[in-house]
Amino acid sequence: MNLYSSNVELGTPMTYNGANGLFRSLEGRTGIKKATPHLLRHTHATELIKSGWEMAYVQKRLGHKHIQTTMDTYTHLSDEDVRKEFDKYIATKKTDVR
């Protein structure tokens, strides 16, 4: 939603170019590099998946035609994810030893 440009009515949907222009402007003012609207999209999708959303819902939210696109693009394991699963595995082994 447009909240900053005086060239477009406030509250109207932002265009792709408008969103990119905003990010370029913010980059110039803050010095933060490589922040893009797509980075926020990727972060949002990753957070939905990590919070337990079913992949079909994430696919629909992102507008992907094929669920495989969503899965290939947004499902990846972080070191923290692997560590948590390993810790769960170790905890079950400690229980089995009794």
Protein backbone atom coordinates (compact mmCIF):
# COMPACT_ATOMS: atom_id res chain seq x y z
CA MET A 1 0.00 0.00 0.00
CA ASN A 2 1.33 3.43 -0.89
CA LEU A 3 2.16 5.32 2.28
CA TYR A 4 4.98 7.53 1.07
CA SER A 5 4.73 8.73 -2.54
CA SER A 6 3.14 12.06 -3.29
CA ASN A 7 2.84 11.01 -6.96
CA VAL A 8 0.18 8.40 -6.18
CA GLU A 9 -2.87 8.61 -3.94
CA LEU A 10 -2.07 7.45 -0.42
CA GLY A 11 -3.58 4.07 0.44
CA THR A 12 -3.63 2.75 -3.11
CA PRO A 13 -1.80 -0.48 -3.97
CA MET A 14 1.88 -0.01 -4.75
CA THR A 15 3.16 -1.00 -8.14
CA TYR A 16 6.18 -3.23 -8.56
CA ASN A 17 8.24 -0.20 -9.62
CA GLY A 18 6.92 1.81 -6.70
CA ALA A 19 7.98 -0.86 -4.20
CA ASN A 20 11.43 -1.17 -5.77
CA GLY A 21 11.79 2.62 -5.77
CA LEU A 22 10.95 2.71 -2.07
CA PHE A 23 13.60 0.09 -1.30
CA ARG A 24 16.22 1.93 -3.39
CA SER A 25 15.38 5.15 -1.56
CA LEU A 26 15.63 3.46 1.83
CA GLU A 27 18.93 1.87 0.81
CA GLY A 28 20.33 5.30 -0.01
CA ARG A 29 19.17 6.75 3.29
CA THR A 30 20.16 3.85 5.55
CA GLY A 31 23.07 2.23 3.75
CA ILE A 32 21.42 -1.18 4.14
CA LYS A 33 22.31 -3.15 1.01
CA LYS A 34 20.49 -6.00 -0.69
CA ALA A 35 17.11 -5.43 0.99
CA THR A 36 14.42 -6.03 -1.62
CA PRO A 37 10.68 -6.71 -1.69
CA HIS A 38 11.51 -10.24 -2.83
CA LEU A 39 13.68 -10.77 0.25
CA LEU A 40 10.65 -9.91 2.42
CA ARG A 41 8.50 -12.32 0.38
CA HIS A 42 11.07 -15.07 0.89
CA THR A 43 11.30 -14.34 4.62
CA HIS A 44 7.50 -14.33 4.95
CA ALA A 45 7.15 -17.68 3.17
CA THR A 46 9.93 -19.22 5.26
CA GLU A 47 8.31 -18.03 8.49
CA LEU A 48 4.92 -19.44 7.46
CA ILE A 49 6.50 -22.83 6.78
CA LYS A 50 8.49 -22.79 10.04
CA SER A 51 5.34 -21.93 11.99
CA GLY A 52 3.62 -25.03 10.65
CA TRP A 53 1.54 -23.80 7.72
CA GLU A 54 0.67 -26.56 5.29
CA MET A 55 2.56 -26.21 2.02
CA ALA A 56 -0.65 -25.97 -0.03
CA TYR A 57 -1.65 -22.83 1.89
CA VAL A 58 1.77 -21.27 1.40
CA GLN A 59 1.56 -22.12 -2.32
CA LYS A 60 -1.83 -20.39 -2.56
CA ARG A 61 -0.66 -17.34 -0.60
CA LEU A 62 2.36 -16.89 -2.87
CA GLY A 63 0.38 -17.51 -6.04
CA HIS A 64 2.47 -20.41 -7.30
CA LYS A 65 0.84 -22.59 -9.95
CA HIS A 66 2.68 -25.73 -8.81
CA ILE A 67 3.28 -26.75 -5.21
CA GLN A 68 6.70 -28.09 -6.24
CA THR A 69 7.80 -24.52 -7.00
CA THR A 70 6.96 -23.52 -3.44
CA MET A 71 8.68 -26.55 -1.98
CA ASP A 72 11.82 -26.19 -4.10
CA THR A 73 12.14 -22.48 -3.40
CA TYR A 74 11.20 -22.15 0.26
CA THR A 75 11.95 -25.39 2.06
CA HIS A 76 15.48 -25.47 3.34
CA LEU A 77 16.95 -26.48 6.65
CA SER A 78 18.94 -24.12 8.78
CA ASP A 79 21.69 -25.29 11.12
CA GLU A 80 19.30 -24.55 13.98
CA ASP A 81 16.61 -26.79 12.42
CA VAL A 82 19.06 -29.68 12.13
CA ARG A 83 20.31 -29.16 15.71
CA LYS A 84 16.76 -29.19 17.13
CA GLU A 85 15.90 -32.43 15.33
CA PHE A 86 19.15 -34.02 16.47
CA ASP A 87 18.44 -32.96 20.06
CA LYS A 88 15.00 -34.59 19.81
CA TYR A 89 16.60 -37.76 18.47
CA ILE A 90 19.15 -37.84 21.32
CA ALA A 91 16.36 -37.31 23.87
CA THR A 92 14.49 -40.35 22.53
CA LYS A 93 17.65 -42.46 22.73
CA LYS A 94 18.17 -41.47 26.37
CA THR A 95 14.60 -42.58 27.08
CA ASP A 96 15.14 -45.91 25.26
CA VAL A 97 18.22 -46.77 27.37
CA ARG A 98 16.24 -47.12 30.62
